[in-house]
Amino acid sequence: MIDTPAWMLLAAAGTALAVLLHIGCIAFGAAWYERFGAGERMVRLSRAGHPFPTAITTAITLVLALWTAYALSAAGWLPVLPGRRPVLGTIIAILGGRGIAGLLIGWRRPGYNGARFWYASSLTCLALAGLYAAGTACAWPTL
């Protein structure tokens, strides 16, 4: 069986990768938004130099970076962060909820993002939720 630090390090690595991809979208603009399925509106706004894509992507990036820090803290790689139990529970709920909702959206009304984006991002969210849940369950007594 994989131990607590390993589950949390996998969760941190997955979330950190998402951080890097979002930073890539900010740095490289419309081509990256388009490649990763952000939708026509985000691509169009990015091409026009509108601040909205950068603002929303920056906000997502900051949240994902914070989540990475909490995973690293739970794995013992960073100092103890406040409220680890409720924060990790919230991360699991948000990722799981986003994953399930995204699958339903992809199936029923994929919209401008398309079903491929919704399925890929939702399965990624569910996988990350599983990693965070496994790590949190193993670490619960020490959190």
N, C-alpha and C. Protein backbone atom coordinates (compact mmCIF):
# COMPACT_ATOMS: atom_id res chain seq x y z
N MET A 1 0.85 -1.19 0.00
CA MET A 1 0.00 0.00 0.00
C MET A 1 0.89 1.24 0.00
N ILE A 2 0.45 2.26 -0.71
CA ILE A 2 1.18 3.53 -0.76
C ILE A 2 0.94 4.28 0.55
N ASP A 3 1.98 4.89 1.09
CA ASP A 3 1.83 5.61 2.36
C ASP A 3 1.37 7.04 2.13
N THR A 4 1.06 7.72 3.23
CA THR A 4 0.52 9.08 3.20
C THR A 4 1.35 10.05 2.37
N PRO A 5 2.66 10.17 2.66
CA PRO A 5 3.43 11.15 1.88
C PRO A 5 3.36 10.89 0.38
N ALA A 6 3.37 9.63 -0.02
CA ALA A 6 3.33 9.33 -1.46
C ALA A 6 2.01 9.79 -2.08
N TRP A 7 0.88 9.53 -1.43
CA TRP A 7 -0.41 9.97 -1.97
C TRP A 7 -0.44 11.48 -2.10
N MET A 8 0.01 12.14 -1.05
CA MET A 8 -0.03 13.60 -1.06
C MET A 8 0.99 14.18 -2.03
N LEU A 9 2.12 13.54 -2.19
CA LEU A 9 3.10 14.02 -3.17
C LEU A 9 2.57 13.86 -4.59
N LEU A 10 1.84 12.78 -4.84
CA LEU A 10 1.20 12.61 -6.15
C LEU A 10 0.13 13.69 -6.37
N ALA A 11 -0.65 13.97 -5.33
CA ALA A 11 -1.66 15.04 -5.43
C ALA A 11 -0.98 16.38 -5.67
N ALA A 12 0.10 16.65 -4.94
CA ALA A 12 0.83 17.90 -5.11
C ALA A 12 1.41 18.00 -6.52
N ALA A 13 1.97 16.91 -7.00
CA ALA A 13 2.57 16.93 -8.35
C ALA A 13 1.51 17.19 -9.42
N GLY A 14 0.35 16.55 -9.29
CA GLY A 14 -0.72 16.78 -10.26
C GLY A 14 -1.23 18.20 -10.22
N THR A 15 -1.38 18.73 -9.02
CA THR A 15 -1.87 20.10 -8.89
C THR A 15 -0.81 21.09 -9.36
N ALA A 16 0.46 20.81 -9.06
CA ALA A 16 1.55 21.69 -9.52
C ALA A 16 1.63 21.69 -11.05
N LEU A 17 1.39 20.55 -11.67
CA LEU A 17 1.36 20.50 -13.14
C LEU A 17 0.23 21.39 -13.66
N ALA A 18 -0.92 21.34 -13.02
CA ALA A 18 -2.02 22.22 -13.42
C ALA A 18 -1.63 23.69 -13.26
N VAL A 19 -0.88 24.01 -12.20
CA VAL A 19 -0.40 25.38 -12.01
C VAL A 19 0.47 25.79 -13.20
N LEU A 20 1.41 24.93 -13.56
CA LEU A 20 2.32 25.24 -14.67
C LEU A 20 1.57 25.41 -15.99
N LEU A 21 0.57 24.57 -16.24
CA LEU A 21 -0.21 24.70 -17.48
C LEU A 21 -0.98 26.02 -17.50
N HIS A 22 -1.52 26.41 -16.36
CA HIS A 22 -2.23 27.69 -16.30
C HIS A 22 -1.28 28.86 -16.48
N ILE A 23 -0.09 28.77 -15.90
CA ILE A 23 0.91 29.81 -16.12
C ILE A 23 1.28 29.88 -17.60
N GLY A 24 1.37 28.72 -18.24
CA GLY A 24 1.64 28.69 -19.68
C GLY A 24 0.56 29.41 -20.47
N CYS A 25 -0.68 29.24 -20.07
CA CYS A 25 -1.77 29.94 -20.75
C CYS A 25 -1.63 31.45 -20.59
N ILE A 26 -1.25 31.88 -19.39
CA ILE A 26 -1.06 33.31 -19.17
C ILE A 26 0.11 33.82 -20.02
N ALA A 27 1.21 33.07 -20.00
CA ALA A 27 2.43 33.52 -20.69
C ALA A 27 2.31 33.46 -22.21
N PHE A 28 1.68 32.41 -22.72
CA PHE A 28 1.67 32.19 -24.17
C PHE A 28 0.35 32.54 -24.84
N GLY A 29 -0.63 32.91 -24.06
CA GLY A 29 -1.86 33.49 -24.59
C GLY A 29 -2.77 32.56 -25.36
N ALA A 30 -3.37 33.14 -26.38
CA ALA A 30 -4.46 32.51 -27.12
C ALA A 30 -4.14 31.11 -27.61
N ALA A 31 -2.93 30.89 -28.10
CA ALA A 31 -2.58 29.56 -28.62
C ALA A 31 -2.70 28.49 -27.53
N TRP A 32 -2.28 28.83 -26.32
CA TRP A 32 -2.38 27.86 -25.23
C TRP A 32 -3.82 27.72 -24.75
N TYR A 33 -4.55 28.82 -24.66
CA TYR A 33 -5.96 28.72 -24.28
C TYR A 33 -6.70 27.81 -25.27
N GLU A 34 -6.42 28.00 -26.53
CA GLU A 34 -7.07 27.19 -27.56
C GLU A 34 -6.65 25.73 -27.45
N ARG A 35 -5.37 25.48 -27.27
CA ARG A 35 -4.84 24.11 -27.21
C ARG A 35 -5.45 23.34 -26.06
N PHE A 36 -5.65 24.00 -24.94
CA PHE A 36 -6.16 23.31 -23.76
C PHE A 36 -7.67 23.44 -23.59
N GLY A 37 -8.35 23.92 -24.64
CA GLY A 37 -9.81 23.87 -24.68
C GLY A 37 -10.54 24.90 -23.84
N ALA A 38 -9.94 26.06 -23.65
CA ALA A 38 -10.58 27.08 -22.82
C ALA A 38 -11.85 27.65 -23.45
N GLY A 39 -12.06 27.43 -24.70
CA GLY A 39 -13.28 27.92 -25.34
C GLY A 39 -13.02 29.13 -26.22
N GLU A 40 -13.90 29.30 -27.19
CA GLU A 40 -13.75 30.37 -28.17
C GLU A 40 -13.71 31.76 -27.54
N ARG A 41 -14.54 31.98 -26.55
CA ARG A 41 -14.60 33.31 -25.92
C ARG A 41 -13.26 33.67 -25.27
N MET A 42 -12.69 32.74 -24.50
CA MET A 42 -11.40 33.01 -23.85
C MET A 42 -10.30 33.22 -24.88
N VAL A 43 -10.32 32.42 -25.94
CA VAL A 43 -9.32 32.57 -26.99
C VAL A 43 -9.46 33.93 -27.66
N ARG A 44 -10.68 34.29 -28.00
CA ARG A 44 -10.95 35.57 -28.66
C ARG A 44 -10.54 36.75 -27.77
N LEU A 45 -10.90 36.70 -26.50
CA LEU A 45 -10.53 37.77 -25.58
C LEU A 45 -9.01 37.86 -25.40
N SER A 46 -8.37 36.71 -25.34
CA SER A 46 -6.91 36.71 -25.20
C SER A 46 -6.24 37.32 -26.42
N ARG A 47 -6.73 36.95 -27.61
CA ARG A 47 -6.18 37.52 -28.86
C ARG A 47 -6.35 39.04 -28.90
N ALA A 48 -7.46 39.51 -28.33
CA ALA A 48 -7.75 40.95 -28.35
C ALA A 48 -7.01 41.71 -27.25
N GLY A 49 -6.28 40.98 -26.41
CA GLY A 49 -5.54 41.64 -25.34
C GLY A 49 -6.39 42.02 -24.14
N HIS A 50 -7.59 41.46 -24.04
CA HIS A 50 -8.49 41.76 -22.93
C HIS A 50 -7.92 41.15 -21.64
N PRO A 51 -8.07 41.83 -20.51
CA PRO A 51 -7.49 41.32 -19.26
C PRO A 51 -8.25 40.15 -18.62
N PHE A 52 -9.47 39.88 -19.05
CA PHE A 52 -10.29 38.85 -18.40
C PHE A 52 -9.62 37.47 -18.39
N PRO A 53 -9.13 36.95 -19.53
CA PRO A 53 -8.51 35.61 -19.48
C PRO A 53 -7.34 35.54 -18.50
N THR A 54 -6.52 36.56 -18.48
CA THR A 54 -5.39 36.57 -17.56
C THR A 54 -5.86 36.64 -16.12
N ALA A 55 -6.86 37.45 -15.84
CA ALA A 55 -7.36 37.59 -14.47
C ALA A 55 -7.95 36.28 -13.96
N ILE A 56 -8.81 35.64 -14.75
CA ILE A 56 -9.44 34.40 -14.29
C ILE A 56 -8.43 33.28 -14.18
N THR A 57 -7.48 33.22 -15.12
CA THR A 57 -6.46 32.18 -15.09
C THR A 57 -5.50 32.40 -13.93
N THR A 58 -5.20 33.64 -13.61
CA THR A 58 -4.35 33.94 -12.46
C THR A 58 -5.04 33.51 -11.16
N ALA A 59 -6.32 33.78 -11.04
CA ALA A 59 -7.05 33.38 -9.85
C ALA A 59 -7.04 31.86 -9.68
N ILE A 60 -7.30 31.14 -10.77
CA ILE A 60 -7.27 29.67 -10.73
C ILE A 60 -5.87 29.19 -10.35
N THR A 61 -4.86 29.81 -10.93
CA THR A 61 -3.48 29.43 -10.65
C THR A 61 -3.14 29.60 -9.17
N LEU A 62 -3.56 30.71 -8.58
CA LEU A 62 -3.28 30.96 -7.16
C LEU A 62 -3.97 29.93 -6.26
N VAL A 63 -5.21 29.58 -6.60
CA VAL A 63 -5.92 28.57 -5.82
C VAL A 63 -5.20 27.23 -5.94
N LEU A 64 -4.84 26.84 -7.14
CA LEU A 64 -4.14 25.57 -7.34
C LEU A 64 -2.79 25.55 -6.63
N ALA A 65 -2.08 26.67 -6.62
CA ALA A 65 -0.80 26.75 -5.91
C ALA A 65 -1.01 26.58 -4.40
N LEU A 66 -2.06 27.17 -3.87
CA LEU A 66 -2.37 27.01 -2.46
C LEU A 66 -2.68 25.54 -2.14
N TRP A 67 -3.45 24.91 -3.01
CA TRP A 67 -3.76 23.50 -2.82
C TRP A 67 -2.49 22.65 -2.86
N THR A 68 -1.57 22.98 -3.75
CA THR A 68 -0.30 22.27 -3.81
C THR A 68 0.44 22.40 -2.49
N ALA A 69 0.45 23.61 -1.93
CA ALA A 69 1.11 23.84 -0.65
C ALA A 69 0.47 22.99 0.46
N TYR A 70 -0.85 22.88 0.47
CA TYR A 70 -1.51 22.08 1.49
C TYR A 70 -1.18 20.59 1.33
N ALA A 71 -1.09 20.12 0.11
CA ALA A 71 -0.71 18.72 -0.11
C ALA A 71 0.73 18.49 0.38
N LEU A 72 1.61 19.41 0.07
CA LEU A 72 3.00 19.28 0.51
C LEU A 72 3.11 19.38 2.03
N SER A 73 2.27 20.20 2.65
CA SER A 73 2.25 20.29 4.10
C SER A 73 1.77 18.98 4.72
N ALA A 74 0.73 18.41 4.16
CA ALA A 74 0.20 17.14 4.68
C ALA A 74 1.19 16.00 4.48
N ALA A 75 2.02 16.11 3.45
CA ALA A 75 3.05 15.09 3.19
C ALA A 75 4.28 15.29 4.07
N GLY A 76 4.32 16.40 4.80
CA GLY A 76 5.45 16.67 5.66
C GLY A 76 6.60 17.39 4.97
N TRP A 77 6.37 17.88 3.77
CA TRP A 77 7.42 18.58 3.02
C TRP A 77 7.43 20.08 3.25
N LEU A 78 6.36 20.60 3.81
CA LEU A 78 6.27 22.02 4.19
C LEU A 78 5.81 22.07 5.65
N PRO A 79 6.02 23.21 6.31
CA PRO A 79 5.52 23.33 7.69
C PRO A 79 4.00 23.14 7.74
N VAL A 80 3.52 22.87 8.93
CA VAL A 80 2.09 22.68 9.14
C VAL A 80 1.36 23.97 8.80
N LEU A 81 0.40 23.86 7.89
CA LEU A 81 -0.43 25.00 7.50
C LEU A 81 -1.72 24.96 8.32
N PRO A 82 -2.32 26.11 8.59
CA PRO A 82 -3.52 26.15 9.43
C PRO A 82 -4.72 25.47 8.76
N GLY A 83 -5.49 24.79 9.59
CA GLY A 83 -6.75 24.22 9.12
C GLY A 83 -6.61 23.13 8.07
N ARG A 84 -5.58 22.29 8.21
CA ARG A 84 -5.36 21.29 7.15
C ARG A 84 -6.56 20.36 6.95
N ARG A 85 -7.17 19.90 8.00
CA ARG A 85 -8.31 18.98 7.84
C ARG A 85 -9.44 19.62 7.03
N PRO A 86 -9.96 20.78 7.45
CA PRO A 86 -11.06 21.35 6.67
C PRO A 86 -10.64 21.80 5.27
N VAL A 87 -9.42 22.29 5.13
CA VAL A 87 -8.98 22.73 3.81
C VAL A 87 -8.86 21.53 2.87
N LEU A 88 -8.24 20.45 3.33
CA LEU A 88 -8.10 19.27 2.47
C LEU A 88 -9.48 18.69 2.14
N GLY A 89 -10.38 18.69 3.11
CA GLY A 89 -11.75 18.22 2.84
C GLY A 89 -12.45 19.08 1.80
N THR A 90 -12.23 20.38 1.87
CA THR A 90 -12.82 21.30 0.90
C THR A 90 -12.22 21.08 -0.49
N ILE A 91 -10.91 20.86 -0.55
CA ILE A 91 -10.26 20.59 -1.84
C ILE A 91 -10.87 19.35 -2.48
N ILE A 92 -11.02 18.30 -1.69
CA ILE A 92 -11.60 17.05 -2.20
C ILE A 92 -13.02 17.30 -2.71
N ALA A 93 -13.81 18.04 -1.95
CA ALA A 93 -15.19 18.32 -2.35
C ALA A 93 -15.25 19.14 -3.63
N ILE A 94 -14.40 20.16 -3.72
CA ILE A 94 -14.41 21.01 -4.92
C ILE A 94 -13.97 20.21 -6.15
N LEU A 95 -12.87 19.48 -6.02
CA LEU A 95 -12.39 18.69 -7.17
C LEU A 95 -13.41 17.61 -7.56
N GLY A 96 -13.96 16.93 -6.57
CA GLY A 96 -14.96 15.90 -6.87
C GLY A 96 -16.22 16.48 -7.48
N GLY A 97 -16.69 17.59 -6.92
CA GLY A 97 -17.88 18.25 -7.47
C GLY A 97 -17.66 18.75 -8.87
N ARG A 98 -16.49 19.36 -9.10
CA ARG A 98 -16.17 19.86 -10.44
C ARG A 98 -16.07 18.69 -11.43
N GLY A 99 -15.49 17.60 -10.98
CA GLY A 99 -15.37 16.43 -11.85
C GLY A 99 -16.72 15.87 -12.26
N ILE A 100 -17.60 15.68 -11.31
CA ILE A 100 -18.93 15.14 -11.60
C ILE A 100 -19.74 16.12 -12.43
N ALA A 101 -19.74 17.39 -12.03
CA ALA A 101 -20.50 18.39 -12.78
C ALA A 101 -19.99 18.51 -14.21
N GLY A 102 -18.67 18.50 -14.37
CA GLY A 102 -18.10 18.61 -15.71
C GLY A 102 -18.46 17.44 -16.62
N LEU A 103 -18.52 16.24 -16.05
CA LEU A 103 -18.93 15.08 -16.85
C LEU A 103 -20.38 15.25 -17.32
N LEU A 104 -21.22 15.72 -16.43
CA LEU A 104 -22.62 15.95 -16.79
C LEU A 104 -22.74 17.05 -17.85
N ILE A 105 -21.97 18.12 -17.69
CA ILE A 105 -22.00 19.20 -18.68
C ILE A 105 -21.52 18.68 -20.03
N GLY A 106 -20.42 17.93 -20.03
CA GLY A 106 -19.89 17.38 -21.28
C GLY A 106 -20.89 16.47 -21.97
N TRP A 107 -21.68 15.77 -21.20
CA TRP A 107 -22.65 14.84 -21.76
C TRP A 107 -23.91 15.56 -22.24
N ARG A 108 -24.38 16.53 -21.45
CA ARG A 108 -25.67 17.16 -21.76
C ARG A 108 -25.56 18.44 -22.58
N ARG A 109 -24.60 19.33 -22.24
CA ARG A 109 -24.50 20.64 -22.89
C ARG A 109 -23.05 21.11 -22.91
N PRO A 110 -22.25 20.54 -23.78
CA PRO A 110 -20.82 20.88 -23.76
C PRO A 110 -20.51 22.33 -24.12
N GLY A 111 -21.40 23.02 -24.80
CA GLY A 111 -21.21 24.43 -25.11
C GLY A 111 -19.98 24.71 -25.93
N TYR A 112 -19.45 25.91 -25.74
CA TYR A 112 -18.33 26.35 -26.57
C TYR A 112 -17.02 25.63 -26.25
N ASN A 113 -16.90 25.03 -25.08
CA ASN A 113 -15.67 24.31 -24.75
C ASN A 113 -15.60 22.96 -25.46
N GLY A 114 -16.73 22.35 -25.69
CA GLY A 114 -16.77 21.04 -26.33
C GLY A 114 -16.66 19.92 -25.31
N ALA A 115 -17.20 18.77 -25.69
CA ALA A 115 -17.24 17.62 -24.80
C ALA A 115 -15.83 17.14 -24.42
N ARG A 116 -14.89 17.18 -25.34
CA ARG A 116 -13.53 16.70 -25.06
C ARG A 116 -12.92 17.45 -23.87
N PHE A 117 -13.06 18.78 -23.86
CA PHE A 117 -12.53 19.56 -22.74
C PHE A 117 -13.19 19.13 -21.44
N TRP A 118 -14.51 19.03 -21.43
CA TRP A 118 -15.21 18.70 -20.19
C TRP A 118 -14.83 17.32 -19.69
N TYR A 119 -14.75 16.34 -20.58
CA TYR A 119 -14.39 14.98 -20.15
C TYR A 119 -12.96 14.92 -19.65
N ALA A 120 -12.02 15.49 -20.37
CA ALA A 120 -10.61 15.43 -19.97
C ALA A 120 -10.38 16.17 -18.66
N SER A 121 -10.89 17.39 -18.55
CA SER A 121 -10.66 18.16 -17.32
C SER A 121 -11.40 17.54 -16.14
N SER A 122 -12.56 16.98 -16.39
CA SER A 122 -13.34 16.38 -15.30
C SER A 122 -12.70 15.10 -14.79
N LEU A 123 -12.19 14.28 -15.68
CA LEU A 123 -11.50 13.06 -15.25
C LEU A 123 -10.22 13.42 -14.49
N THR A 124 -9.56 14.47 -14.91
CA THR A 124 -8.38 14.95 -14.19
C THR A 124 -8.76 15.40 -12.78
N CYS A 125 -9.84 16.16 -12.68
CA CYS A 125 -10.31 16.61 -11.36
C CYS A 125 -10.67 15.43 -10.46
N LEU A 126 -11.34 14.42 -11.03
CA LEU A 126 -11.71 13.25 -10.23
C LEU A 126 -10.48 12.47 -9.80
N ALA A 127 -9.48 12.35 -10.67
CA ALA A 127 -8.25 11.66 -10.30
C ALA A 127 -7.54 12.41 -9.16
N LEU A 128 -7.46 13.73 -9.28
CA LEU A 128 -6.84 14.53 -8.22
C LEU A 128 -7.64 14.42 -6.92
N ALA A 129 -8.96 14.44 -7.00
CA ALA A 129 -9.78 14.28 -5.80
C ALA A 129 -9.48 12.94 -5.13
N GLY A 130 -9.31 11.91 -5.93
CA GLY A 130 -8.97 10.59 -5.38
C GLY A 130 -7.62 10.58 -4.68
N LEU A 131 -6.62 11.25 -5.29
CA LEU A 131 -5.30 11.33 -4.66
C LEU A 131 -5.36 12.11 -3.35
N TYR A 132 -6.05 13.25 -3.36
CA TYR A 132 -6.20 14.03 -2.14
C TYR A 132 -6.97 13.24 -1.08
N ALA A 133 -8.00 12.51 -1.49
CA ALA A 133 -8.79 11.73 -0.53
C ALA A 133 -7.97 10.60 0.08
N ALA A 134 -7.21 9.89 -0.74
CA ALA A 134 -6.38 8.80 -0.22
C ALA A 134 -5.33 9.34 0.74
N GLY A 135 -4.67 10.42 0.36
CA GLY A 135 -3.67 11.01 1.23
C GLY A 135 -4.25 11.55 2.53
N THR A 136 -5.40 12.20 2.41
CA THR A 136 -6.04 12.76 3.61
C THR A 136 -6.50 11.65 4.54
N ALA A 137 -7.05 10.58 3.99
CA ALA A 137 -7.50 9.47 4.82
C ALA A 137 -6.32 8.85 5.57
N CYS A 138 -5.21 8.66 4.89
CA CYS A 138 -4.03 8.08 5.54
C CYS A 138 -3.43 9.03 6.59
N ALA A 139 -3.46 10.32 6.33
CA ALA A 139 -2.81 11.29 7.21
C ALA A 139 -3.72 11.82 8.31
N TRP A 140 -5.00 11.49 8.27
CA TRP A 140 -5.98 12.11 9.16
C TRP A 140 -5.54 12.15 10.63
N PRO A 141 -5.02 11.08 11.18
CA PRO A 141 -4.64 11.14 12.60
C PRO A 141 -3.54 12.16 12.91
N THR A 142 -2.71 12.49 11.94
CA THR A 142 -1.61 13.41 12.19
C THR A 142 -1.89 14.83 11.69
N LEU A 143 -3.04 15.04 11.07
CA LEU A 143 -3.35 16.38 10.55
C LEU A 143 -3.81 17.31 11.66
